């Protein structure tokens, strides 16, 4: 069902365009919706109102979806990769048609600004375009054999059913990074979206199924299951050779152990604790844009959000002054209002984590530069709107070593570039990093083997805002996974080495003699 509040907030047209008119079920292999599970209620952090309800998937529902996926794989794996690319191209076209409606739903259900919601859907469109080209480039190598009249080569085959467990902060884009590549590789997918943003999952399923039906393809190529129980079922299912999980490091450890115990493969995209180094030779006007958007964009709920600002002592006071003035101009409120810079946190649990982090930083000796707090009054009735804050801290503070999914920015000084890089690396996470400098030596050192230990290292841009052309992911407690561009497609396929003997004798490798 769709709530009256969602209708009053101007969401009715967008929801209807996305095929969300009345939802009574939560598991889908396509047009067939079914479930006997518990109700999951989706509330908008923007207003605090109920948007709609979805039934969670039971174990029986999950089995129905998995059976459909396994059966669909038998057909899909034999479709030529360029033909699979053509289907993904059509999916991209459907997403273009629904960009505004889906972007609006992402904004309303998750809380990010409408512009960021549109940007997230654009990422989906971009990865479709990328996957179409990639569908003609799933290459292997040919190697010379040491044996005469033998040929060696490698090829890549689809894994089978790929399980995708996504997070609330990017409720549609990260799913698309996985599915579009998995689909052109010949895999089929079963997706468990975040229980905090289930309607976004339903909307995507409706869009994709339109394309599958139009091309007379099996519904099980794209399956949707809802609810936390389904996540555990995916992780423990031996029929799923690959699980892609996006979420916290804590849950990621559980997923990694569970899947590894059954010798499955994982793509893990976990926590980030990202830093920007501000050199004495930085352009502070550029720092301002990169640092402020990095810290407060999506209300600090990106895995690539800027958590730490490591500033050279000679420009430290000036940088803090510029930042404080910029924070004073931030507009916080309804994410669908284009005049606002910062929307709400996802729920009141996230608000409490934000408040706890500020108190812990103070207790460890942190000095508040820009005061935080929860906003109250008209327009803030959901209780999820908070003020972005800046705290002067030390890198070794316990709270600084942890990721807080909120707009809390820790600032600290450094003296030498080597010291700054050491501080940047001295956290358990290793996702994204950045340096602002016009000094070539500092740039190259930061990007060298002695520089940033993160999966993403940027120069003169912020830590957030990755493009789909490059592989996305990080090291250490970030999990080591890679999604989206470059050669990330290899994670969705199994490698096979082949040797063909086209001669009349059977020589053994390494010159071994086995005569009889």
Protein backbone atom coordinates (compact mmCIF):
# COMPACT_ATOMS: atom_id res chain seq x y z
CA UNK A 1 0.00 0.00 0.00
CA UNK A 2 1.04 3.60 -0.55
CA UNK A 3 0.44 5.98 2.33
CA UNK A 4 -1.62 9.15 2.22
CA UNK A 5 1.48 11.09 3.30
CA UNK A 6 3.40 9.92 0.21
CA UNK A 7 0.53 11.06 -1.98
CA UNK A 8 0.35 14.45 -0.26
CA UNK A 9 4.10 14.90 -0.63
CA UNK A 10 3.78 14.73 -4.41
CA UNK A 11 5.09 11.19 -4.77
CA UNK A 12 1.98 9.57 -6.24
CA UNK A 13 2.82 10.19 -9.89
CA UNK A 14 6.43 9.01 -9.47
CA UNK A 15 5.35 5.85 -7.65
CA UNK A 16 2.71 5.01 -10.23
CA UNK A 17 5.21 5.51 -13.06
CA UNK A 18 7.48 3.00 -11.32
CA UNK A 19 4.66 0.46 -11.10
CA UNK A 20 4.18 0.88 -7.36
CA UNK A 21 0.44 1.16 -6.87
CA UNK A 22 -0.31 -1.36 -4.16
CA UNK A 23 2.26 -3.70 -2.68
CA UNK A 24 1.11 -6.73 -0.76
CA UNK A 25 4.07 -9.00 -1.42
CA UNK A 26 7.84 -8.92 -1.13
CA UNK A 27 9.39 -11.68 -3.25
CA UNK A 28 9.55 -11.51 -7.01
CA UNK A 29 10.87 -13.54 -9.89
CA UNK A 30 9.31 -11.04 -12.21
CA UNK A 31 5.62 -10.44 -12.67
CA UNK A 32 4.79 -13.06 -10.04
CA UNK A 33 4.72 -11.44 -6.62
CA UNK A 34 4.17 -13.57 -3.58
CA UNK A 35 4.93 -13.74 0.14
CA UNK A 36 3.56 -14.79 3.48
CA UNK A 37 6.20 -12.95 5.50
CA UNK A 38 6.06 -10.16 8.01
CA UNK A 39 5.29 -6.61 6.98
CA UNK A 40 8.20 -4.22 6.42
CA UNK A 41 7.19 -0.58 6.70
CA UNK A 42 9.13 2.02 4.77
CA UNK A 43 9.25 5.46 6.39
CA UNK A 44 10.66 8.56 4.75
CA UNK A 45 13.40 10.19 6.83
CA UNK A 46 12.41 13.43 5.12
CA UNK A 47 8.99 13.60 6.76
CA UNK A 48 8.85 10.70 9.19
CA UNK A 49 5.73 9.45 7.42
CA UNK A 50 4.99 5.97 6.21
CA UNK A 51 5.52 5.65 2.44
CA UNK A 52 4.39 2.07 1.93
CA UNK A 53 4.50 -1.51 3.14
CA UNK A 54 6.17 -4.59 1.70
CA UNK A 55 5.88 -8.17 2.90
CA UNK A 56 9.21 -9.80 3.70
CA UNK A 57 10.19 -13.06 2.03
CA UNK A 58 9.86 -16.34 3.89
CA UNK A 59 12.21 -19.27 3.44
CA UNK A 60 9.65 -20.84 1.11
CA UNK A 61 9.48 -17.65 -0.94
CA UNK A 62 13.26 -17.60 -1.17
CA UNK A 63 13.31 -21.19 -2.44
CA UNK A 64 10.79 -20.32 -5.14
CA UNK A 65 12.94 -17.41 -6.28
CA UNK A 66 16.12 -19.52 -6.24
CA UNK A 67 14.47 -22.26 -8.31
CA UNK A 68 13.45 -19.64 -10.87
CA UNK A 69 16.99 -18.25 -10.93
CA UNK A 70 18.63 -21.66 -11.38
CA UNK A 71 16.27 -22.50 -14.24
CA UNK A 72 16.81 -19.12 -15.91
CA UNK A 73 20.59 -19.55 -15.75
CA UNK A 74 20.38 -22.60 -18.02
CA UNK A 75 18.97 -20.36 -20.75
CA UNK A 76 20.81 -17.11 -20.07
CA UNK A 77 24.35 -18.60 -20.00
CA UNK A 78 23.94 -19.79 -23.60
CA UNK A 79 22.85 -16.41 -24.96
CA UNK A 80 25.89 -14.86 -26.73
CA UNK A 81 27.49 -12.15 -24.62
CA UNK A 82 26.87 -9.36 -27.19
CA UNK A 83 23.18 -10.37 -27.22
CA UNK A 84 23.16 -10.15 -23.42
CA UNK A 85 24.68 -6.71 -23.87
CA UNK A 86 21.79 -5.72 -26.09
CA UNK A 87 19.34 -6.62 -23.30
CA UNK A 88 21.33 -4.49 -20.86
CA UNK A 89 21.25 -1.65 -23.40
CA UNK A 90 17.47 -1.82 -23.37
CA UNK A 91 17.54 -1.73 -19.57
CA UNK A 92 19.55 1.46 -19.76
CA UNK A 93 16.93 2.98 -22.04
CA UNK A 94 14.16 2.09 -19.59
CA UNK A 95 16.13 3.70 -16.78
CA UNK A 96 16.45 6.86 -18.87
CA UNK A 97 12.67 6.96 -19.22
CA UNK A 98 12.21 6.59 -15.45
CA UNK A 99 15.15 8.69 -14.30
CA UNK A 100 13.15 11.50 -12.70
CA UNK A 101 10.63 9.22 -11.00
CA UNK A 102 13.25 6.81 -9.67
CA UNK A 103 15.52 9.67 -8.58
CA UNK A 104 12.62 11.18 -6.67
CA UNK A 105 11.87 7.87 -4.94
CA UNK A 106 15.53 7.45 -3.97
CA UNK A 107 15.50 10.94 -2.48
CA UNK A 108 12.24 10.46 -0.60
CA UNK A 109 12.89 6.95 0.75
CA UNK A 110 16.61 7.35 1.53
CA UNK A 111 16.83 11.07 2.29
CA UNK A 112 19.57 12.24 -0.09
CA UNK A 113 18.97 15.37 -2.13
CA UNK A 114 16.95 15.07 -5.32
CA UNK A 115 20.02 16.06 -7.33
CA UNK A 116 21.96 13.20 -5.73
CA UNK A 117 19.02 10.89 -6.39
CA UNK A 118 19.12 11.80 -10.07
CA UNK A 119 22.89 11.31 -10.01
CA UNK A 120 22.46 7.83 -8.58
CA UNK A 121 20.10 6.84 -11.39
CA UNK A 122 22.56 8.33 -13.88
CA UNK A 123 25.18 5.95 -12.47
CA UNK A 124 22.83 3.10 -13.31
CA UNK A 125 22.47 4.38 -16.87
CA UNK A 126 26.24 4.81 -17.17
CA UNK A 127 26.99 1.27 -16.00
CA UNK A 128 24.51 -0.05 -18.56
CA UNK A 129 26.40 1.80 -21.30
CA UNK A 130 29.71 0.50 -19.95
CA UNK A 131 28.40 -3.08 -19.81
CA UNK A 132 27.13 -2.97 -23.39
CA UNK A 133 30.63 -2.29 -24.71
CA UNK A 134 32.16 -4.76 -22.30
CA UNK A 135 29.89 -7.54 -23.58
CA UNK A 136 32.13 -7.72 -26.67
CA UNK A 137 35.38 -7.72 -24.71
CA UNK A 138 35.18 -10.67 -22.29
CA UNK A 139 38.57 -11.85 -23.43
CA UNK A 140 40.97 -14.61 -22.38
CA UNK A 141 44.66 -15.16 -23.08
CA UNK A 142 46.43 -17.57 -25.42
CA UNK A 143 49.68 -19.04 -24.05
CA UNK A 144 52.48 -20.99 -25.73
CA UNK A 145 52.71 -24.60 -24.63
CA UNK A 146 56.01 -26.29 -23.80
CA UNK A 147 54.75 -29.39 -25.59
CA UNK A 148 54.85 -29.64 -29.40
CA UNK A 149 51.58 -29.39 -31.31
CA UNK A 150 49.69 -28.18 -28.24
CA UNK A 151 47.75 -24.96 -27.75
CA UNK A 152 46.93 -23.39 -24.40
CA UNK A 153 44.41 -20.69 -23.69
CA UNK A 154 42.11 -19.48 -20.95
CA UNK A 155 38.47 -18.58 -21.09
CA UNK A 156 35.89 -17.21 -18.70
CA UNK A 157 32.51 -18.76 -17.89
CA UNK A 158 29.62 -17.39 -15.85
CA UNK A 159 29.47 -18.41 -12.19
CA UNK A 160 25.71 -19.03 -12.03
CA UNK A 161 23.46 -17.33 -9.49
CA UNK A 162 25.01 -14.17 -8.00
CA UNK A 163 23.64 -12.97 -4.66
CA UNK A 164 23.58 -9.20 -4.11
CA UNK A 165 23.00 -7.63 -0.69
CA UNK A 166 22.93 -3.86 -0.91
CA UNK A 167 22.85 -0.97 1.57
CA UNK A 168 20.39 1.86 2.13
CA UNK A 169 22.73 4.74 1.25
CA UNK A 170 22.90 3.84 -2.45
CA UNK A 171 19.68 1.86 -2.74
CA UNK A 172 19.81 1.36 -6.52
CA UNK A 173 23.24 2.29 -7.96
CA UNK A 174 25.38 -0.34 -6.23
CA UNK A 175 22.90 -3.04 -7.19
CA UNK A 176 23.24 -1.96 -10.81
CA UNK A 177 27.05 -1.99 -10.64
CA UNK A 178 26.80 -5.68 -9.82
CA UNK A 179 23.85 -6.81 -11.90
CA UNK A 180 24.73 -5.18 -15.19
CA UNK A 181 28.20 -6.73 -15.16
CA UNK A 182 26.92 -10.07 -13.88
CA UNK A 183 24.25 -10.16 -16.59
CA UNK A 184 26.59 -9.52 -19.51
CA UNK A 185 28.88 -12.20 -18.01
CA UNK A 186 26.00 -14.69 -18.24
CA UNK A 187 25.06 -14.83 -14.56
CA UNK A 188 21.59 -14.40 -13.12
CA UNK A 189 21.00 -12.40 -9.93
CA UNK A 190 19.04 -12.61 -6.71
CA UNK A 191 18.90 -9.28 -4.86
CA UNK A 192 18.15 -8.42 -1.27
CA UNK A 193 17.84 -4.64 -0.98
CA UNK A 194 18.11 -2.86 2.34
CA UNK A 195 15.03 -3.22 4.51
CA UNK A 196 15.26 0.54 5.01
CA UNK A 197 14.70 1.20 1.29
CA UNK A 198 12.59 -1.71 -0.04
CA UNK A 199 10.45 0.37 -2.39
CA UNK A 200 13.53 1.33 -4.43
CA UNK A 201 14.14 -2.39 -4.92
CA UNK A 202 10.58 -2.98 -6.05
CA UNK A 203 10.82 -0.08 -8.51
CA UNK A 204 14.01 -1.44 -10.10
CA UNK A 205 12.52 -4.91 -10.36
CA UNK A 206 9.49 -3.52 -12.19
CA UNK A 207 11.69 -1.63 -14.66
CA UNK A 208 13.94 -4.63 -15.39
CA UNK A 209 11.06 -7.08 -15.78
CA UNK A 210 9.57 -4.88 -18.48
CA UNK A 211 12.65 -5.52 -20.60
CA UNK A 212 12.81 -9.25 -19.85
CA UNK A 213 9.15 -9.75 -20.74
CA UNK A 214 9.52 -7.77 -23.96
CA UNK A 215 12.36 -10.07 -25.03
CA UNK A 216 10.66 -13.32 -23.93
CA UNK A 217 13.40 -14.01 -21.41
CA UNK A 218 12.96 -15.97 -18.15
CA UNK A 219 11.79 -13.98 -15.15
CA UNK A 220 14.41 -15.63 -12.94
CA UNK A 221 17.25 -13.67 -14.55
CA UNK A 222 16.36 -10.96 -12.02
CA UNK A 223 14.96 -12.05 -8.65
CA UNK A 224 14.08 -9.91 -5.64
CA UNK A 225 13.82 -11.04 -2.02
CA UNK A 226 13.09 -8.74 0.91
CA UNK A 227 13.96 -8.91 4.60
CA UNK A 228 16.97 -9.73 6.73
CA UNK A 229 16.25 -13.47 6.76
CA UNK A 230 16.88 -13.55 3.03
CA UNK A 231 20.37 -12.13 3.55
CA UNK A 232 21.32 -15.06 5.78
CA UNK A 233 19.80 -17.49 3.30
CA UNK A 234 21.92 -16.03 0.50
CA UNK A 235 25.10 -16.16 2.55
CA UNK A 236 24.59 -19.80 3.50
CA UNK A 237 23.36 -21.04 0.13
CA UNK A 238 25.85 -23.37 -1.60
CA UNK A 239 23.98 -22.81 -4.86
CA UNK A 240 25.24 -19.21 -4.89
CA UNK A 241 28.95 -19.22 -5.84
CA UNK A 242 29.35 -15.44 -5.48
CA UNK A 243 27.91 -13.01 -2.92
CA UNK A 244 28.40 -9.27 -3.31
CA UNK A 245 27.81 -7.47 -0.01
CA UNK A 246 27.78 -3.73 0.64
CA UNK A 247 27.49 -2.57 4.23
CA UNK A 248 29.31 -2.20 7.52
CA UNK A 249 32.62 -3.83 8.36
CA UNK A 250 30.96 -5.60 11.28
CA UNK A 251 28.38 -7.35 9.11
CA UNK A 252 30.96 -7.81 6.36
CA UNK A 253 33.06 -9.98 8.68
CA UNK A 254 30.06 -12.22 9.24
CA UNK A 255 29.33 -12.45 5.51
CA UNK A 256 32.97 -13.18 4.71
CA UNK A 257 33.24 -16.00 7.26
CA UNK A 258 29.90 -17.54 6.34
CA UNK A 259 30.53 -17.61 2.59
CA UNK A 260 34.17 -18.69 3.00
CA UNK A 261 33.14 -21.66 5.14
CA UNK A 262 31.28 -23.05 2.13
CA UNK A 263 34.14 -22.03 -0.22
CA UNK A 264 32.08 -19.37 -1.92
CA UNK A 265 33.42 -16.13 -3.39
CA UNK A 266 32.69 -12.64 -2.09
CA UNK A 267 32.87 -9.05 -3.25
CA UNK A 268 32.95 -6.95 -0.10
CA UNK A 269 32.41 -3.18 -0.11
CA UNK A 270 32.59 -2.19 3.54
CA UNK A 271 33.44 0.84 5.68
CA UNK A 272 35.49 3.87 4.76
CA UNK A 273 37.34 6.40 6.92
CA UNK A 274 38.42 8.71 4.17
CA UNK A 275 40.84 11.60 4.49
CA UNK A 276 41.76 14.67 2.47
CA UNK A 277 45.29 15.99 2.85
CA UNK A 278 45.44 19.78 2.39
CA UNK A 279 48.94 20.88 1.37
CA UNK A 280 50.37 24.32 2.01
CA UNK A 281 50.43 24.55 -1.79
CA UNK A 282 46.76 23.67 -2.22
CA UNK A 283 44.17 25.83 -3.95
CA UNK A 284 41.85 26.48 -0.98
CA UNK A 285 38.92 27.39 -3.23
CA UNK A 286 39.06 23.84 -4.61
CA UNK A 287 39.52 22.38 -1.14
CA UNK A 288 36.36 24.14 -0.03
CA UNK A 289 34.19 22.42 -2.64
CA UNK A 290 35.81 18.99 -2.25
CA UNK A 291 35.83 18.96 1.54
CA UNK A 292 32.36 20.39 2.13
CA UNK A 293 30.58 18.16 -0.38
CA UNK A 294 32.66 15.19 0.74
CA UNK A 295 31.73 15.71 4.38
CA UNK A 296 28.06 16.75 4.13
CA UNK A 297 26.86 15.26 0.82
CA UNK A 298 24.23 12.56 1.45
CA UNK A 299 24.40 13.83 5.06
CA UNK A 300 27.74 12.04 5.44
CA UNK A 301 26.18 8.66 4.59
CA UNK A 302 28.49 7.65 1.76
CA UNK A 303 31.17 5.03 2.24
CA UNK A 304 33.41 7.56 0.46
CA UNK A 305 32.35 10.53 2.62
CA UNK A 306 35.21 12.66 3.93
CA UNK A 307 35.70 11.85 7.62
CA UNK A 308 39.13 13.42 8.23
CA UNK A 309 40.80 16.62 7.01
CA UNK A 310 44.58 16.57 7.47
CA UNK A 311 45.79 20.15 7.00
CA UNK A 312 49.30 21.59 6.81
CA UNK A 313 50.05 23.70 9.86
CA UNK A 314 50.82 26.80 7.76
CA UNK A 315 47.29 26.92 6.27
CA UNK A 316 45.43 25.24 9.13
CA UNK A 317 43.76 28.31 10.67
CA UNK A 318 42.83 29.76 7.29
CA UNK A 319 41.33 26.45 6.13
CA UNK A 320 39.23 26.11 9.28
CA UNK A 321 38.01 29.67 8.94
CA UNK A 322 36.94 29.11 5.34
CA UNK A 323 35.20 25.85 6.25
CA UNK A 324 33.35 27.36 9.21
CA UNK A 325 31.99 30.15 7.00
CA UNK A 326 30.88 27.63 4.37
CA UNK A 327 29.14 25.45 6.97
CA UNK A 328 27.26 28.51 8.22
CA UNK A 329 25.72 28.86 4.76
CA UNK A 330 24.50 25.26 4.46
CA UNK A 331 20.76 24.85 4.07
CA UNK A 332 19.31 21.77 5.76
CA UNK A 333 15.86 20.44 5.01
CA UNK A 334 13.52 18.63 2.63
CA UNK A 335 15.77 16.74 0.18
CA UNK A 336 13.28 17.27 -2.66
CA UNK A 337 13.78 21.03 -2.35
CA UNK A 338 16.64 21.96 -4.69
CA UNK A 339 17.58 24.90 -2.44
CA UNK A 340 18.73 22.60 0.36
CA UNK A 341 22.25 21.18 0.58
CA UNK A 342 21.74 18.58 3.31
CA UNK A 343 18.87 16.18 3.90
CA UNK A 344 18.15 13.89 6.84
CA UNK A 345 19.95 10.88 8.24
CA UNK A 346 18.27 7.58 7.43
CA UNK A 347 16.62 7.07 10.85
CA UNK A 348 16.77 7.93 14.52
CA UNK A 349 19.28 5.18 15.17
CA UNK A 350 21.71 6.99 12.87
CA UNK A 351 20.96 10.24 14.70
CA UNK A 352 21.91 8.61 18.01
CA UNK A 353 25.17 7.30 16.50
CA UNK A 354 25.92 10.85 15.35
CA UNK A 355 25.31 12.29 18.82
CA UNK A 356 27.37 9.54 20.47
CA UNK A 357 30.31 10.23 18.14
CA UNK A 358 30.34 13.92 19.03
CA UNK A 359 30.27 13.17 22.75
CA UNK A 360 33.04 10.58 22.46
CA UNK A 361 35.22 13.00 20.49
CA UNK A 362 34.73 15.66 23.17
CA UNK A 363 35.52 13.16 25.92
CA UNK A 364 38.80 12.26 24.22
CA UNK A 365 39.83 15.92 24.06
CA UNK A 366 38.32 17.05 20.79
CA UNK A 367 37.50 20.73 20.32
CA UNK A 368 34.29 21.63 18.50
CA UNK A 369 34.88 24.07 15.64
CA UNK A 370 31.35 23.99 14.21
CA UNK A 371 28.65 22.89 16.64
CA UNK A 372 26.39 19.98 15.77
CA UNK A 373 22.95 19.03 17.07
CA UNK A 374 19.52 17.75 16.11
CA UNK A 375 17.18 20.18 14.38
CA UNK A 376 13.64 20.59 15.66
CA UNK A 377 10.53 22.47 14.62
CA UNK A 378 8.59 22.86 11.41
CA UNK A 379 10.06 20.84 8.55
CA UNK A 380 12.13 18.70 10.90
CA UNK A 381 9.33 16.59 12.39
CA UNK A 382 10.99 13.30 11.44
CA UNK A 383 13.72 13.90 14.02
CA UNK A 384 16.36 12.83 11.49
CA UNK A 385 17.82 16.21 10.54
CA UNK A 386 21.17 17.10 12.11
CA UNK A 387 23.68 19.92 11.74
CA UNK A 388 26.99 19.02 10.08
CA UNK A 389 29.76 19.61 12.60
CA UNK A 390 33.54 19.99 12.59
CA UNK A 391 35.72 18.78 15.46
CA UNK A 392 39.43 19.37 15.95
CA UNK A 393 40.84 15.97 16.88
CA UNK A 394 43.86 13.70 16.86
CA UNK A 395 44.09 10.83 14.44
CA UNK A 396 44.70 8.35 17.25
CA UNK A 397 41.40 9.13 19.01
CA UNK A 398 39.39 5.92 19.25
CA UNK A 399 36.30 7.54 17.74
CA UNK A 400 38.35 8.87 14.81
CA UNK A 401 39.46 5.32 14.05
CA UNK A 402 35.83 4.32 13.48
CA UNK A 403 33.43 5.23 10.69
CA UNK A 404 30.41 7.24 11.82
CA UNK A 405 27.80 7.39 9.06
CA UNK A 406 26.94 11.04 9.66
CA UNK A 407 28.22 14.55 8.81
CA UNK A 408 31.00 14.67 11.41
CA UNK A 409 34.35 15.97 10.10
CA UNK A 410 37.54 15.63 12.15
CA UNK A 411 40.33 18.12 11.41
CA UNK A 412 44.00 17.81 12.39
CA UNK A 413 47.42 19.33 11.60
CA UNK A 414 50.55 17.97 9.97
CA UNK A 415 54.07 19.27 9.36
CA UNK A 416 55.55 17.17 6.52
CA UNK A 417 53.97 15.32 3.61
CA UNK A 418 55.38 12.05 4.92
CA UNK A 419 53.66 12.66 8.25
CA UNK A 420 50.38 13.46 6.50
CA UNK A 421 50.47 10.23 4.47
CA UNK A 422 51.27 8.23 7.60
CA UNK A 423 48.25 9.79 9.35
CA UNK A 424 46.04 9.15 6.32
CA UNK A 425 46.99 5.45 6.36
CA UNK A 426 46.83 4.99 10.15
CA UNK A 427 43.22 3.78 10.27
CA UNK A 428 41.80 0.25 9.78
CA UNK A 429 39.84 1.20 6.66
CA UNK A 430 41.25 1.80 3.17
CA UNK A 431 38.61 2.94 0.72
CA UNK A 432 39.13 6.47 -0.62
CA UNK A 433 41.73 9.19 -0.15
CA UNK A 434 42.66 12.56 -1.58
CA UNK A 435 45.34 15.23 -1.61
CA UNK A 436 44.94 18.85 -2.65
CA UNK A 437 48.26 20.24 -3.82
CA UNK A 438 49.94 21.97 -6.75
CA UNK A 439 53.30 20.42 -5.84
CA UNK A 440 54.18 17.67 -8.31
CA UNK A 441 56.45 15.88 -5.85
CA UNK A 442 53.66 15.66 -3.28
CA UNK A 443 51.23 14.38 -5.91
CA UNK A 444 53.53 11.63 -7.08
CA UNK A 445 54.56 10.61 -3.56
CA UNK A 446 50.89 10.34 -2.55
CA UNK A 447 50.19 8.08 -5.54
CA UNK A 448 53.34 5.97 -5.15
CA UNK A 449 53.81 2.68 -3.30
CA UNK A 450 54.91 4.78 -0.32
CA UNK A 451 51.71 6.85 -0.53
CA UNK A 452 48.02 6.20 0.05
CA UNK A 453 47.12 2.63 0.95
CA UNK A 454 43.53 3.04 -0.27
CA UNK A 455 41.78 1.50 -3.26
CA UNK A 456 40.99 5.02 -4.49
CA UNK A 457 43.54 7.86 -4.40
CA UNK A 458 42.65 11.25 -5.89
CA UNK A 459 44.54 14.47 -6.56
CA UNK A 460 42.74 17.82 -6.41
CA UNK A 461 39.30 16.25 -6.15
CA UNK A 462 37.50 14.99 -3.05
CA UNK A 463 37.09 11.48 -1.71
CA UNK A 464 33.52 10.96 -2.98
CA UNK A 465 32.07 10.90 -6.47
CA UNK A 466 33.61 7.83 -8.13
CA UNK A 467 32.97 7.24 -11.85
CA UNK A 468 31.87 3.88 -13.21
CA UNK A 469 34.85 3.65 -15.61
CA UNK A 470 37.23 2.73 -12.79
CA UNK A 471 37.01 -0.25 -10.47
CA UNK A 472 35.46 0.79 -7.16
CA UNK A 473 36.59 -0.63 -3.82
CA UNK A 474 39.19 -0.54 -1.09
CA UNK A 475 41.67 -2.41 1.06
CA UNK A 476 42.01 -3.51 4.70
CA UNK A 477 38.68 -3.42 6.55
CA UNK A 478 37.01 -2.07 3.43
CA UNK A 479 37.06 -5.67 2.23
CA UNK A 480 39.21 -5.75 -0.91
CA UNK A 481 36.30 -6.04 -3.34
CA UNK A 482 36.04 -4.28 -6.68
CA UNK A 483 32.85 -3.36 -8.53
CA UNK A 484 31.86 -1.40 -11.63
CA UNK A 485 34.53 -0.52 -14.21
CA UNK A 486 37.98 -1.60 -15.41
CA UNK A 487 38.38 -5.42 -15.23
CA UNK A 488 35.99 -5.86 -12.29
CA UNK A 489 33.94 -8.14 -14.59
CA UNK A 490 36.38 -10.97 -13.84
CA UNK A 491 34.96 -11.26 -10.32
CA UNK A 492 31.65 -12.44 -11.80
CA UNK A 493 33.15 -15.27 -13.85
CA UNK A 494 35.17 -18.42 -13.32
CA UNK A 495 38.49 -18.81 -15.11
CA UNK A 496 39.22 -21.99 -17.03
CA UNK A 497 42.58 -23.00 -18.55
CA UNK A 498 42.35 -25.18 -21.67
CA UNK A 499 44.98 -27.23 -23.48
CA UNK A 500 44.38 -28.76 -26.91
CA UNK A 501 46.63 -31.46 -28.34
CA UNK A 502 46.31 -31.44 -32.11
CA UNK A 503 49.18 -33.87 -32.70
CA UNK A 504 49.38 -37.66 -32.88
CA UNK A 505 51.56 -38.20 -29.79
CA UNK A 506 50.91 -37.57 -26.10
CA UNK A 507 54.03 -35.96 -24.57
CA UNK A 508 53.77 -35.19 -20.87
CA UNK A 509 54.49 -31.81 -19.31
CA UNK A 510 57.88 -31.13 -17.72
CA UNK A 511 59.36 -33.87 -19.95
CA UNK A 512 58.10 -36.66 -17.68
CA UNK A 513 58.59 -40.17 -19.11
CA UNK A 514 55.83 -42.70 -18.53
CA UNK A 515 56.58 -45.60 -20.85
CA UNK A 516 54.91 -48.99 -20.65
